[in-house]
């Protein structure tokens, strides 16, 4: 089995005006993302899990070199594609494993009914085993709008995320009317740049030319967990 590919992932905080200017530049050299709608964006919603002692949260805050976290992700509040994802970090590089799930199983997990099934994919079996051993339960829903760009050289993805909201209404995970608490200020966006080995010069120059750009170790999970942790 080939080694897992760990990718570079750089994050920046960027204001609305600078984000719009950067998106205009990036769009001139990137190909459309097949998952984006006619308006060039899609909505992402993730249900994050953590252990009884908040291990994933604490490791993220501490910047532990070798860590991971678990989430279930959907798009545009739809159950047409539901993915269990394990996001791993190794010495600053990132890797994501995923497998498909169905809505019924997600609701079972939300209700605390986490158990093995014979037909489970290996990643799902890994999650269930860890969940049972460490009492892993749902912690926060993270919801945001993503404008994605794809640059084929270097397998580059540039995304601008906005309207980041949080909720602990887990039973409404699939609801289009999920009540969300704003987790970051109005006018704030998160720019993410992901690539395999070397960021192409053209993309690098466009990123460097953006004004009001602040490098960050921003974590949507940590930020949203902090925003709503005392609400239930």
Protein backbone atom coordinates (compact mmCIF):
# COMPACT_ATOMS: atom_id res chain seq x y z
CA UNK A 1 0.00 0.00 0.00
CA UNK A 2 1.48 3.39 -0.95
CA UNK A 3 2.32 5.89 1.78
CA UNK A 4 -0.34 8.46 2.55
CA UNK A 5 0.12 11.80 0.85
CA UNK A 6 0.44 14.61 3.39
CA UNK A 7 -0.14 18.04 1.87
CA UNK A 8 0.81 21.58 2.77
CA UNK A 9 -2.00 23.75 4.11
CA UNK A 10 -1.54 27.48 4.73
CA UNK A 11 -4.24 29.66 6.28
CA UNK A 12 -4.78 33.41 6.39
CA UNK A 13 -7.36 35.79 7.82
CA UNK A 14 -8.51 38.22 5.14
CA UNK A 15 -11.14 40.99 5.07
CA UNK A 16 -14.03 41.20 2.59
CA UNK A 17 -12.51 43.76 0.22
CA UNK A 18 -9.14 42.02 0.00
CA UNK A 19 -10.89 38.66 -0.42
CA UNK A 20 -12.95 39.92 -3.36
CA UNK A 21 -9.87 41.35 -5.07
CA UNK A 22 -7.92 38.12 -4.56
CA UNK A 23 -10.79 35.97 -5.84
CA UNK A 24 -10.95 38.08 -9.00
CA UNK A 25 -7.23 37.52 -9.60
CA UNK A 26 -7.23 33.81 -8.80
CA UNK A 27 -10.23 33.14 -11.04
CA UNK A 28 -8.25 34.25 -14.11
CA UNK A 29 -5.87 31.29 -13.91
CA UNK A 30 -7.85 28.57 -12.13
CA UNK A 31 -10.31 26.01 -13.47
CA UNK A 32 -13.83 25.82 -12.03
CA UNK A 33 -14.42 23.54 -9.09
CA UNK A 34 -16.90 20.88 -10.19
CA UNK A 35 -18.71 20.97 -6.83
CA UNK A 36 -19.43 24.70 -6.86
CA UNK A 37 -22.81 25.97 -8.01
CA UNK A 38 -23.52 28.61 -10.63
CA UNK A 39 -22.66 31.32 -8.10
CA UNK A 40 -19.21 29.78 -7.57
CA UNK A 41 -19.71 28.56 -4.01
CA UNK A 42 -21.12 25.78 -1.90
CA UNK A 43 -22.05 25.47 1.76
CA UNK A 44 -20.18 23.06 4.02
CA UNK A 45 -21.46 21.66 7.29
CA UNK A 46 -19.36 19.45 9.55
CA UNK A 47 -20.24 17.62 12.76
CA UNK A 48 -17.08 17.36 14.89
CA UNK A 49 -16.53 14.72 17.57
CA UNK A 50 -14.21 14.68 20.55
CA UNK A 51 -13.22 12.43 23.43
CA UNK A 52 -14.48 12.71 26.99
CA UNK A 53 -11.41 14.73 27.95
CA UNK A 54 -11.47 16.96 24.82
CA UNK A 55 -8.25 15.40 23.52
CA UNK A 56 -8.61 16.56 19.90
CA UNK A 57 -9.44 20.11 21.03
CA UNK A 58 -6.49 20.26 23.43
CA UNK A 59 -4.02 18.76 20.93
CA UNK A 60 -5.10 21.28 18.31
CA UNK A 61 -4.61 24.20 20.72
CA UNK A 62 -1.21 22.88 21.77
CA UNK A 63 -0.08 22.33 18.18
CA UNK A 64 0.76 18.66 18.81
CA UNK A 65 2.86 17.47 15.87
CA UNK A 66 1.07 14.16 15.28
CA UNK A 67 -2.66 14.43 15.82
CA UNK A 68 -6.05 13.80 14.20
CA UNK A 69 -9.72 14.67 14.53
CA UNK A 70 -13.01 13.17 13.33
CA UNK A 71 -15.92 14.84 11.56
CA UNK A 72 -18.97 14.04 9.44
CA UNK A 73 -19.37 16.39 6.49
CA UNK A 74 -22.28 17.30 4.20
CA UNK A 75 -22.76 19.93 1.50
CA UNK A 76 -25.62 22.40 1.03
CA UNK A 77 -27.57 20.79 3.91
CA UNK A 78 -28.15 17.73 1.70
CA UNK A 79 -27.87 14.07 2.65
CA UNK A 80 -26.96 13.06 -0.92
CA UNK A 81 -23.27 12.82 0.04
CA UNK A 82 -22.32 12.19 3.65
CA UNK A 83 -18.66 11.59 4.46
CA UNK A 84 -16.96 10.48 7.64
CA UNK A 85 -13.54 12.12 7.60
CA UNK A 86 -10.38 11.65 9.63
CA UNK A 87 -8.22 14.77 9.31
CA UNK A 88 -4.62 13.99 10.29
CA UNK A 89 -1.71 16.34 10.94
CA UNK A 90 1.92 15.25 10.88
CA UNK A 91 4.65 17.85 11.43
CA UNK A 92 2.44 20.59 9.99
CA UNK A 93 1.37 18.61 6.92
CA UNK A 94 -2.22 17.43 6.41
CA UNK A 95 -3.94 14.29 5.18
CA UNK A 96 -7.62 13.36 4.96
CA UNK A 97 -9.17 9.87 4.88
CA UNK A 98 -12.88 9.53 4.17
CA UNK A 99 -15.67 7.04 3.62
CA UNK A 100 -19.35 7.38 2.84
CA UNK A 101 -22.15 7.08 5.39
CA UNK A 102 -25.93 7.18 5.34
CA UNK A 103 -28.21 9.57 7.17
CA UNK A 104 -29.66 6.92 9.47
CA UNK A 105 -26.23 6.01 10.81
CA UNK A 106 -25.35 9.67 11.41
CA UNK A 107 -28.48 10.14 13.49
CA UNK A 108 -27.61 7.02 15.47
CA UNK A 109 -24.19 8.50 16.24
CA UNK A 110 -25.83 11.77 17.31
CA UNK A 111 -28.13 9.80 19.63
CA UNK A 112 -25.12 8.04 21.17
CA UNK A 113 -25.77 4.71 19.45
CA UNK A 114 -22.22 3.99 18.27
CA UNK A 115 -21.53 0.34 17.55
CA UNK A 116 -19.87 -1.87 14.96
CA UNK A 117 -21.59 -3.32 11.92
CA UNK A 118 -20.18 -6.16 9.89
CA UNK A 119 -20.46 -4.22 6.64
CA UNK A 120 -18.64 -1.12 7.89
CA UNK A 121 -15.77 0.29 5.83
CA UNK A 122 -12.33 0.11 7.54
CA UNK A 123 -12.31 3.84 8.38
CA UNK A 124 -15.77 3.64 9.91
CA UNK A 125 -14.67 0.64 11.98
CA UNK A 126 -11.66 2.63 13.15
CA UNK A 127 -13.88 5.53 14.21
CA UNK A 128 -16.34 3.30 16.07
CA UNK A 129 -13.51 1.52 17.91
CA UNK A 130 -11.96 4.82 18.98
CA UNK A 131 -15.34 6.27 19.89
CA UNK A 132 -16.12 3.36 22.18
CA UNK A 133 -12.67 3.32 23.79
CA UNK A 134 -12.48 7.09 24.42
CA UNK A 135 -16.17 7.94 24.80
CA UNK A 136 -16.16 10.11 21.68
CA UNK A 137 -19.35 12.14 21.22
CA UNK A 138 -20.59 15.05 19.04
CA UNK A 139 -19.21 18.41 20.18
CA UNK A 140 -20.09 21.11 17.67
CA UNK A 141 -21.52 21.72 14.20
CA UNK A 142 -19.43 24.00 11.99
CA UNK A 143 -21.16 25.65 9.03
CA UNK A 144 -19.72 28.01 6.41
CA UNK A 145 -19.75 29.13 2.77
CA UNK A 146 -16.79 28.20 0.57
CA UNK A 147 -15.62 29.76 -2.70
CA UNK A 148 -13.18 27.21 -4.21
CA UNK A 149 -10.52 27.50 -6.91
CA UNK A 150 -8.47 24.70 -8.48
CA UNK A 151 -5.03 25.08 -10.05
CA UNK A 152 -3.87 21.79 -11.62
CA UNK A 153 -0.12 22.41 -11.39
CA UNK A 154 0.95 21.19 -7.95
CA UNK A 155 -2.58 20.00 -7.15
CA UNK A 156 -3.44 23.40 -5.66
CA UNK A 157 -6.73 24.33 -4.04
CA UNK A 158 -7.39 27.90 -2.96
CA UNK A 159 -10.55 28.44 -0.94
CA UNK A 160 -12.15 31.44 0.73
CA UNK A 161 -14.48 30.58 3.61
CA UNK A 162 -16.96 33.04 5.09
CA UNK A 163 -20.09 33.24 7.27
CA UNK A 164 -18.64 30.71 9.71
CA UNK A 165 -21.29 29.65 12.20
CA UNK A 166 -21.55 27.16 15.05
CA UNK A 167 -24.33 25.14 16.62
CA UNK A 168 -24.90 22.40 19.17
CA UNK A 169 -28.38 21.55 17.87
CA UNK A 170 -27.13 18.16 16.69
CA UNK A 171 -30.59 16.80 15.90
CA UNK A 172 -30.92 19.54 13.24
CA UNK A 173 -27.67 18.63 11.49
CA UNK A 174 -29.44 18.13 8.14
CA UNK A 175 -31.87 21.04 8.52
CA UNK A 176 -31.68 24.00 6.16
CA UNK A 177 -32.98 26.09 9.07
CA UNK A 178 -30.26 25.13 11.54
CA UNK A 179 -29.91 27.88 14.13
CA UNK A 180 -26.31 29.11 13.97
CA UNK A 181 -24.24 31.32 16.25
CA UNK A 182 -21.74 33.48 14.36
CA UNK A 183 -18.25 32.29 15.33
CA UNK A 184 -16.13 35.03 13.70
CA UNK A 185 -16.83 38.74 13.13
CA UNK A 186 -18.67 40.08 10.10
CA UNK A 187 -16.32 40.90 7.24
CA UNK A 188 -13.81 38.23 8.22
CA UNK A 189 -12.83 35.39 5.87
CA UNK A 190 -10.47 32.45 6.09
CA UNK A 191 -8.24 31.89 3.07
CA UNK A 192 -6.79 28.38 2.73
CA UNK A 193 -4.08 27.37 0.26
CA UNK A 194 -3.45 23.62 -0.10
CA UNK A 195 -0.82 22.02 -2.32
CA UNK A 196 1.31 18.89 -2.59
CA UNK A 197 4.99 19.87 -2.55
CA UNK A 198 5.72 23.30 -4.04
CA UNK A 199 3.28 26.18 -4.41
CA UNK A 200 3.54 27.43 -8.02
CA UNK A 201 5.11 30.88 -8.36
CA UNK A 202 2.02 32.36 -10.05
CA UNK A 203 -0.26 31.44 -7.15
CA UNK A 204 2.33 32.47 -4.57
CA UNK A 205 2.68 35.92 -6.13
CA UNK A 206 -1.08 36.44 -6.16
CA UNK A 207 -1.32 35.46 -2.50
CA UNK A 208 1.62 37.68 -1.55
CA UNK A 209 0.08 40.64 -3.39
CA UNK A 210 -3.09 40.55 -1.29
CA UNK A 211 -3.36 43.31 1.30
CA UNK A 212 -4.57 42.86 4.89
CA UNK A 213 -3.49 39.21 4.86
CA UNK A 214 -2.62 37.66 8.23
CA UNK A 215 -1.07 34.16 8.51
CA UNK A 216 -2.87 32.06 11.11
CA UNK A 217 -3.19 28.60 12.63
CA UNK A 218 -6.96 29.15 12.63
CA UNK A 219 -9.04 26.04 13.42
CA UNK A 220 -12.74 26.10 12.61
CA UNK A 221 -13.32 23.32 15.12
CA UNK A 222 -11.58 25.11 18.00
CA UNK A 223 -13.13 28.48 17.14
CA UNK A 224 -16.67 27.13 16.85
CA UNK A 225 -16.32 24.90 19.91
CA UNK A 226 -15.25 27.92 21.94
CA UNK A 227 -18.16 29.96 20.57
CA UNK A 228 -20.89 27.59 21.78
CA UNK A 229 -19.33 25.34 24.43
CA UNK A 230 -21.42 26.81 27.26
CA UNK A 231 -24.71 26.93 25.35
CA UNK A 232 -25.99 23.49 26.36
